[in-house]
N, C-alpha and C. Protein backbone atom coordinates (compact mmCIF):
# COMPACT_ATOMS: atom_id res chain seq x y z
N UNK A 1 -9.19 11.47 15.67
CA UNK A 1 -8.29 11.86 16.03
C UNK A 1 -7.47 10.62 15.10
N UNK A 2 -5.96 10.66 14.52
CA UNK A 2 -5.78 9.85 13.20
C UNK A 2 -3.89 10.32 13.89
N UNK A 3 -3.45 8.27 13.43
CA UNK A 3 -2.03 8.69 13.72
C UNK A 3 -1.65 7.45 12.79
N UNK A 4 -0.78 8.34 11.56
CA UNK A 4 -0.73 7.21 10.93
C UNK A 4 1.43 7.90 10.44
N UNK A 5 1.52 7.01 9.54
CA UNK A 5 3.10 6.91 9.52
C UNK A 5 3.67 6.44 7.99
N UNK A 6 4.73 6.68 7.49
CA UNK A 6 5.11 6.17 6.16
C UNK A 6 6.69 6.58 7.02
N UNK A 7 8.00 6.09 4.95
CA UNK A 7 9.48 6.18 5.46
C UNK A 7 9.00 7.63 4.19
N UNK A 8 10.28 7.44 4.64
CA UNK A 8 10.74 9.19 3.70
C UNK A 8 11.96 8.52 3.18
N UNK A 9 12.77 9.44 2.19
CA UNK A 9 14.12 9.61 1.64
C UNK A 9 14.18 10.93 1.87
N UNK A 10 13.11 11.53 2.14
CA UNK A 10 14.20 12.86 2.66
C UNK A 10 14.66 13.20 4.04
N UNK A 11 15.59 14.68 3.92
CA UNK A 11 16.02 14.50 5.57
C UNK A 11 14.73 14.84 6.35
N UNK A 12 15.43 15.02 7.43
CA UNK A 12 14.57 15.17 8.95
C UNK A 12 14.19 16.54 8.59
N UNK A 13 15.40 17.53 8.25
CA UNK A 13 15.40 19.09 8.43
C UNK A 13 14.16 19.30 7.02
N UNK A 14 14.36 18.78 6.18
CA UNK A 14 13.58 19.10 4.48
C UNK A 14 11.76 18.32 5.16
N UNK A 15 11.91 17.44 6.24
CA UNK A 15 10.21 16.82 6.45
C UNK A 15 9.73 17.42 7.53
N UNK A 16 10.55 18.40 8.31
CA UNK A 16 10.26 19.49 9.10
C UNK A 16 9.90 20.70 8.57
N UNK A 17 10.32 21.15 7.47
CA UNK A 17 10.43 22.57 6.95
C UNK A 17 9.06 22.01 6.33
N UNK A 18 9.12 21.05 5.13
CA UNK A 18 7.85 20.78 4.62
C UNK A 18 6.63 20.94 5.56
N UNK A 19 6.39 20.57 6.41
CA UNK A 19 5.36 20.28 7.56
C UNK A 19 5.31 21.53 7.91
N UNK A 20 6.01 22.76 7.95
CA UNK A 20 5.93 24.32 8.38
C UNK A 20 4.87 24.55 6.76
N UNK A 21 5.57 24.25 6.05
CA UNK A 21 4.73 24.98 4.88
C UNK A 21 3.63 24.90 4.65
N UNK A 22 3.12 23.29 4.52
CA UNK A 22 2.02 23.21 4.15
C UNK A 22 1.06 23.47 5.68
N UNK A 23 1.43 22.91 6.71
CA UNK A 23 0.64 23.37 7.98
C UNK A 23 0.40 24.60 8.35
N UNK A 24 1.71 25.44 8.22
CA UNK A 24 1.73 27.06 8.73
C UNK A 24 0.90 27.82 8.01
N UNK A 25 0.85 29.55 8.79
CA UNK A 25 0.41 29.95 8.01
C UNK A 25 -0.03 30.57 6.46
N UNK A 26 1.19 29.91 5.70
CA UNK A 26 0.73 30.11 4.14
C UNK A 26 0.13 28.40 3.72
N UNK A 27 0.14 27.65 4.13
CA UNK A 27 -1.06 26.77 3.99
C UNK A 27 -2.01 26.63 4.62
N UNK A 28 -2.20 25.57 5.70
CA UNK A 28 -3.75 25.25 6.17
C UNK A 28 -3.64 26.16 7.11
N UNK A 29 -2.88 27.64 7.60
CA UNK A 29 -2.61 28.55 8.30
C UNK A 29 -3.32 28.39 10.04
N UNK A 30 -2.76 27.23 10.16
CA UNK A 30 -2.29 26.69 11.99
C UNK A 30 -1.34 27.37 12.10
N UNK A 31 -1.59 28.04 13.56
CA UNK A 31 0.07 28.44 14.20
C UNK A 31 0.74 27.20 14.59
N UNK A 32 1.83 27.10 14.33
CA UNK A 32 3.13 26.83 15.40
C UNK A 32 2.92 26.82 16.45
N UNK A 33 3.02 25.76 17.47
CA UNK A 33 3.04 25.57 18.65
C UNK A 33 4.22 25.66 19.22
N UNK A 34 5.21 24.42 18.74
CA UNK A 34 6.33 24.21 18.97
C UNK A 34 7.23 23.17 17.70
N UNK A 35 8.38 23.57 17.98
CA UNK A 35 9.25 23.12 17.22
C UNK A 35 10.71 22.62 17.64
N UNK A 36 11.33 21.37 17.12
CA UNK A 36 12.60 20.68 17.29
C UNK A 36 12.85 19.90 16.57
N UNK A 37 14.41 19.65 16.42
CA UNK A 37 14.82 19.71 15.47
C UNK A 37 14.24 18.28 14.77
N UNK A 38 13.49 17.14 15.70
CA UNK A 38 12.83 16.18 15.29
C UNK A 38 11.49 15.88 14.98
N UNK A 39 10.80 17.32 15.58
CA UNK A 39 9.24 17.09 15.68
C UNK A 39 8.96 18.54 15.44
N UNK A 40 7.50 19.00 14.52
CA UNK A 40 6.81 20.10 14.85
C UNK A 40 5.24 20.31 14.74
N UNK A 41 4.95 21.04 15.86
CA UNK A 41 3.85 20.75 16.28
C UNK A 41 2.73 21.96 15.76
N UNK A 42 1.64 22.11 15.44
CA UNK A 42 0.52 23.03 14.95
C UNK A 42 -0.77 23.08 15.91
N UNK A 43 -1.29 23.98 16.01
CA UNK A 43 -2.93 24.31 16.37
C UNK A 43 -3.69 25.57 15.55
N UNK A 44 -4.83 25.25 15.67
CA UNK A 44 -6.33 26.44 15.55
C UNK A 44 -7.30 24.99 14.63
N UNK A 45 -8.53 26.12 14.85
CA UNK A 45 -9.36 25.55 13.83
C UNK A 45 -10.45 24.45 14.59
N UNK A 46 -9.87 24.28 16.13
CA UNK A 46 -10.25 23.40 16.85
C UNK A 46 -9.39 21.89 16.78
N UNK A 47 -8.45 22.17 16.57
CA UNK A 47 -7.99 20.93 16.30
C UNK A 47 -6.33 21.10 17.03
N UNK A 48 -5.41 20.09 15.70
CA UNK A 48 -3.88 20.32 16.03
C UNK A 48 -3.43 18.92 15.55
N UNK A 49 -2.55 19.21 15.12
CA UNK A 49 -1.46 18.47 14.15
C UNK A 49 0.20 18.27 14.87
N UNK A 50 1.13 17.23 14.48
CA UNK A 50 2.50 16.88 14.97
C UNK A 50 2.86 16.30 13.98
N UNK A 51 4.06 16.50 13.72
CA UNK A 51 4.84 15.75 12.49
C UNK A 51 6.44 15.24 13.20
N UNK A 52 6.36 14.40 13.59
CA UNK A 52 7.48 13.37 13.70
C UNK A 52 8.07 13.04 12.91
N UNK A 53 9.47 12.99 13.07
CA UNK A 53 10.53 12.18 12.19
C UNK A 53 11.78 12.36 13.16
N UNK A 54 12.02 10.47 12.68
CA UNK A 54 12.75 9.83 12.84
C UNK A 54 13.75 9.21 11.88
N UNK A 55 15.29 9.56 12.43
CA UNK A 55 16.33 9.16 11.46
C UNK A 55 16.51 7.44 11.02
N UNK A 56 16.52 7.22 10.06
CA UNK A 56 17.40 5.87 10.43
C UNK A 56 18.74 5.49 9.44
N UNK A 57 19.29 4.71 8.62
CA UNK A 57 20.82 5.21 7.58
C UNK A 57 20.24 5.45 6.35
N UNK A 58 19.46 5.21 6.29
CA UNK A 58 19.20 5.68 5.01
C UNK A 58 17.56 5.98 3.86
N UNK A 59 17.01 6.19 5.55
CA UNK A 59 15.37 7.11 5.17
C UNK A 59 15.08 7.39 6.86
N UNK A 60 13.27 8.11 6.71
CA UNK A 60 13.08 8.60 7.89
C UNK A 60 11.58 8.02 8.06
N UNK A 61 11.30 7.85 9.15
CA UNK A 61 10.18 7.64 9.37
C UNK A 61 9.72 8.95 10.01
N UNK A 62 8.82 8.77 9.06
CA UNK A 62 7.99 10.39 9.16
C UNK A 62 6.60 10.17 9.72
N UNK A 63 6.09 10.37 11.18
CA UNK A 63 4.46 10.29 11.77
C UNK A 63 3.87 11.32 11.82
N UNK A 64 2.54 11.48 11.52
CA UNK A 64 2.23 12.82 11.76
C UNK A 64 0.86 12.01 12.98
N UNK A 65 0.58 12.93 13.73
CA UNK A 65 -0.88 13.03 14.82
C UNK A 65 -1.79 14.01 14.14
N UNK A 66 -3.09 13.64 14.45
CA UNK A 66 -4.09 14.80 14.27
C UNK A 66 -5.54 14.65 14.48
N UNK A 67 -6.22 15.58 15.25
CA UNK A 67 -7.71 15.86 15.26
C UNK A 67 -7.96 16.98 14.50
N UNK A 68 -8.97 16.34 13.92
CA UNK A 68 -9.67 17.83 13.02
C UNK A 68 -9.21 17.82 11.66
N UNK A 69 -7.61 17.60 10.84
CA UNK A 69 -7.01 17.90 10.34
C UNK A 69 -6.66 16.52 9.85
N UNK A 70 -7.64 15.45 9.16
CA UNK A 70 -6.82 14.08 9.45
C UNK A 70 -6.94 14.29 7.42
N UNK A 71 -7.52 14.23 6.98
CA UNK A 71 -7.78 15.02 5.46
C UNK A 71 -6.30 15.03 5.22
N UNK A 72 -6.21 16.70 5.81
CA UNK A 72 -4.95 17.13 5.54
C UNK A 72 -3.49 16.29 6.03
N UNK A 73 -3.72 15.46 6.97
CA UNK A 73 -2.59 15.05 7.74
C UNK A 73 -2.41 13.79 6.46
N UNK A 74 -2.88 12.81 5.94
CA UNK A 74 -3.39 12.06 4.59
C UNK A 74 -2.30 12.71 3.30
N UNK A 75 -3.02 13.80 3.06
CA UNK A 75 -2.34 14.72 1.69
C UNK A 75 -1.16 14.70 2.30
N UNK A 76 -1.04 15.29 3.55
CA UNK A 76 0.99 15.71 3.74
C UNK A 76 1.91 14.82 3.88
N UNK A 77 1.32 13.39 4.19
CA UNK A 77 2.12 12.35 3.71
C UNK A 77 2.19 11.68 2.08
N UNK A 78 1.26 11.81 1.70
CA UNK A 78 1.36 11.38 0.23
C UNK A 78 2.71 13.01 -0.33
N UNK A 79 3.01 13.70 0.59
CA UNK A 79 3.88 14.74 -0.28
C UNK A 79 5.12 14.66 -0.18
N UNK A 80 5.77 13.57 1.17
CA UNK A 80 7.02 13.19 1.40
C UNK A 80 7.10 11.95 1.39
C-alpha cells in the first residue's frame, strides 16, 4: 500500500476529472466506487485507489492512496 501527495495548480474539479479519466474504465479499467467534490475512489483487480484534493489559496494538495496500483498512482501524480 502507498500513500503519496504533491501540490498542483489545477483546480479540484480538474484533479477529480483527471483521476476519473486516468483510473476509470476508459483508463486503468477500475470501477468508480464513490465520488464527491474533494475526492474519488476506485476498486478492481484486487486493489483500490483513492484520490483526495484539498484547496489552498494558490494551489491544491493532491493525495493518492493505493493498494495494488502503486505504479499507476505515481504516474497519475506526475500528470497533475
